[in-house]
Protein backbone atom coordinates (compact mmCIF):
# COMPACT_ATOMS: atom_id res chain seq x y z
CA MET A 1 -5.03 61.21 29.37
CA ASN A 2 -1.47 60.53 28.26
CA ALA A 3 1.22 63.19 27.81
CA ALA A 4 1.09 63.39 24.01
CA HIS A 5 -2.69 63.65 24.04
CA ARG A 6 -2.53 66.51 26.55
CA THR A 7 0.04 68.35 24.46
CA LEU A 8 -1.83 67.82 21.18
CA ARG A 9 -5.11 68.83 22.78
CA ALA A 10 -3.67 72.01 24.29
CA GLY A 11 -1.68 72.85 21.17
CA THR A 12 -4.67 72.56 18.86
CA ALA A 13 -7.41 73.87 21.18
CA ALA A 14 -7.82 77.20 19.35
CA ALA A 15 -7.96 75.51 15.93
CA HIS A 16 -10.44 72.97 17.26
CA ALA A 17 -12.64 75.74 18.66
CA ARG A 18 -12.58 77.58 15.31
CA ILE A 19 -13.62 74.42 13.45
CA ASP A 20 -16.43 73.70 15.91
CA ALA A 21 -17.73 77.27 15.56
CA LEU A 22 -17.41 77.21 11.78
CA PHE A 23 -19.15 73.90 11.21
CA SER A 24 -21.90 74.74 13.69
CA ARG A 25 -23.02 77.39 11.18
CA PHE A 26 -24.25 74.65 8.83
CA ASP A 27 -27.94 73.88 9.37
CA LEU A 28 -28.06 70.09 9.51
CA GLN A 29 -31.86 70.14 9.20
CA ASP A 30 -31.80 72.04 5.88
CA ARG A 31 -31.09 69.88 2.81
CA ALA A 32 -28.94 72.45 0.96
CA SER A 33 -26.95 73.39 4.04
CA TYR A 34 -26.42 69.75 4.93
CA ALA A 35 -25.21 69.03 1.38
CA ALA A 36 -22.74 71.92 1.74
CA PHE A 37 -21.65 70.48 5.10
CA LEU A 38 -20.90 67.16 3.38
CA GLY A 39 -19.12 68.92 0.52
CA ALA A 40 -16.94 70.86 2.94
CA HIS A 41 -15.95 67.68 4.74
CA ALA A 42 -15.28 65.85 1.49
CA GLU A 43 -13.12 68.65 0.09
CA ALA A 44 -10.87 68.44 3.14
CA LEU A 45 -11.02 64.80 4.20
CA LEU A 46 -10.79 62.92 0.91
CA PRO A 47 -7.41 64.28 -0.23
CA ILE A 48 -6.00 63.91 3.27
CA GLU A 49 -7.09 60.26 3.45
CA THR A 50 -5.62 59.64 0.00
CA ARG A 51 -2.32 61.21 1.01
CA LEU A 52 -2.22 59.28 4.28
CA ALA A 53 -2.55 56.07 2.29
CA GLU A 54 0.25 57.20 -0.07
CA VAL A 55 2.68 57.93 2.75
CA GLY A 56 1.99 54.66 4.56
CA ALA A 57 -0.28 55.51 7.46
CA GLU A 58 -1.29 51.86 7.63
CA ARG A 59 2.31 50.88 8.40
CA VAL A 60 2.52 53.45 11.19
CA PHE A 61 -0.97 52.80 12.55
CA PRO A 62 -2.05 49.24 11.69
CA GLY A 63 -5.80 49.04 11.12
CA TRP A 64 -6.15 52.67 10.03
CA ASP A 65 -7.01 51.71 6.47
CA GLU A 66 -10.01 49.65 7.64
CA GLY A 67 -11.54 52.65 9.39
CA ARG A 68 -11.30 55.11 6.51
CA ARG A 69 -14.51 57.07 6.02
CA GLY A 70 -13.88 58.49 2.55
CA GLU A 71 -16.06 56.01 0.69
CA LEU A 72 -18.93 56.63 3.10
CA LEU A 73 -18.55 60.36 2.56
CA ARG A 74 -18.41 59.91 -1.22
CA ALA A 75 -21.65 57.91 -1.10
CA ASP A 76 -23.36 60.56 1.05
CA CYS A 77 -22.19 63.32 -1.29
CA ALA A 78 -23.44 61.43 -4.34
CA GLU A 79 -26.83 60.94 -2.70
CA ALA A 80 -26.92 64.65 -1.77
CA GLY A 81 -26.04 65.66 -5.35
CA ILE A 82 -22.56 66.99 -4.56
CA ASP A 83 -19.97 66.67 -7.33
CA LEU A 84 -16.52 66.06 -5.92
CA ALA A 85 -13.24 67.25 -7.37
CA GLU A 86 -10.44 65.89 -5.24
CA THR A 87 -7.27 67.95 -5.13
CA PRO A 88 -3.96 66.75 -3.72
CA ALA A 89 -3.28 67.40 -0.04
CA PRO A 90 0.18 68.26 1.20
CA LEU A 91 1.28 66.07 4.07
CA ALA A 92 4.66 65.35 5.49
CA SER A 93 5.46 61.68 5.51
CA THR A 94 7.08 61.33 8.92
CA GLY A 95 5.43 59.10 11.47
CA ALA A 96 4.92 62.12 13.70
CA ALA A 97 3.15 64.06 10.93
CA ILE A 98 0.92 61.06 10.25
CA ALA A 99 0.19 60.89 13.98
CA GLY A 100 -0.82 64.55 14.13
CA THR A 101 -3.05 64.21 11.10
CA LEU A 102 -4.74 61.07 12.40
CA TYR A 103 -5.25 62.74 15.77
CA VAL A 104 -7.44 65.31 14.01
CA LEU A 105 -9.22 62.91 11.63
CA GLU A 106 -9.99 60.29 14.23
CA GLY A 107 -10.95 62.92 16.78
CA SER A 108 -13.46 64.24 14.25
CA ARG A 109 -15.09 60.81 14.28
CA LEU A 110 -15.97 61.43 17.93
CA GLY A 111 -17.43 64.83 17.03
CA ALA A 112 -19.45 63.25 14.24
CA LYS A 113 -21.47 61.35 16.86
CA VAL A 114 -22.67 64.67 18.28
CA LEU A 115 -23.42 66.07 14.83
CA ALA A 116 -25.33 62.94 13.84
CA ARG A 117 -27.85 63.64 16.60
CA ARG A 118 -28.45 67.12 15.14
CA ALA A 119 -28.77 65.99 11.52
CA ASN A 120 -32.07 65.27 9.85
CA PRO A 121 -32.48 61.48 10.00
CA GLY A 122 -33.78 61.49 6.41
CA PHE A 123 -30.50 62.82 5.02
CA PRO A 124 -27.57 60.58 3.97
CA ARG A 125 -25.64 59.86 7.16
CA ARG A 126 -23.17 57.09 6.44
CA PHE A 127 -20.24 59.42 7.15
CA LEU A 128 -21.64 60.79 10.41
CA ASP A 129 -22.82 57.39 11.60
CA ALA A 130 -19.48 55.67 10.95
CA GLY A 131 -18.51 54.30 14.30
CA GLU A 132 -15.18 53.17 15.53
CA SER A 133 -14.18 49.81 16.77
CA PRO A 134 -14.16 49.58 20.57
CA GLY A 135 -10.95 50.94 22.00
CA ALA A 136 -9.72 52.37 18.67
CA TRP A 137 -9.37 55.95 19.97
CA GLN A 138 -7.46 54.84 23.08
CA SER A 139 -5.28 52.57 20.98
CA LEU A 140 -4.47 55.44 18.63
CA LEU A 141 -3.63 57.72 21.56
CA SER A 142 -1.35 55.08 23.09
CA ARG A 143 0.47 54.63 19.80
CA ILE A 144 0.79 58.41 19.40
CA ASP A 145 2.14 58.73 22.93
CA ALA A 146 4.82 56.15 22.18
CA MET A 147 5.80 57.96 18.96
CA LEU A 148 5.92 61.53 20.21
CA GLU A 149 8.50 61.25 22.95
CA ASP A 150 10.75 64.11 21.87
CA ASN A 151 10.11 67.77 21.12
CA ARG A 152 10.89 67.52 17.42
CA ALA A 153 8.38 64.72 16.89
CA MET A 154 5.76 66.63 18.86
CA ASP A 155 6.44 69.76 16.82
CA ASP A 156 5.98 67.75 13.59
CA ALA A 157 2.73 66.28 14.90
CA LEU A 158 1.40 69.67 15.99
CA SER A 159 2.30 71.22 12.64
CA ALA A 160 0.52 68.43 10.76
CA ALA A 161 -2.51 68.69 13.06
CA HIS A 162 -2.71 72.42 12.38
CA ASP A 163 -2.41 71.78 8.64
CA CYS A 164 -5.28 69.30 8.87
CA PHE A 165 -7.46 71.68 10.86
CA GLY A 166 -6.55 74.40 8.35
CA ALA A 167 -7.76 72.28 5.42
CA PHE A 168 -11.12 71.83 7.13
CA GLU A 169 -11.30 75.51 8.02
CA ARG A 170 -10.62 76.67 4.45
CA SER A 171 -13.08 74.19 3.05
CA GLY A 172 -15.80 75.03 5.57
CA GLU A 173 -15.45 78.75 4.86
CA ARG A 174 -15.59 78.15 1.10
CA TRP A 175 -18.72 76.00 1.29
CA LEU A 176 -20.46 78.39 3.66
CA ALA A 177 -19.79 81.28 1.28
CA ALA A 178 -21.08 79.36 -1.77
């Protein structure tokens, strides 16, 4: 594990634990709860992906655009009967902020593999089943490590990661309450 990964992991551990606990409350075997689970992810992820594209994440992390999962999530939501209303997501445009945001989004792809095993196989699963190209996570971490060499950059990345986790937390709470 490289230095930036260790720092990001430690700095976001509490937020990560809150998200894991929150999203574990969705019953992935129940159709309505699973639809809410998809809606919660869409409400957070879609505007963040859109904003990442606007601020040039592809320039900072070549290949990121090819791995976007938004369209898969939109298709799953449509199949589950979820109407989506995308709202803008705030996101700083520095390379470090992009790095912190992608750390969360791409890390969630790893968590999706675990969730996919718990989900009813008859439900729409494009989003959960979206794999990554071999070595993509390690490549992202290496790129992040090279970018976050000073404290200011790391602070920007941590702030953006917390903002990203916060978007998922607010969305998850809202969809659970609905």
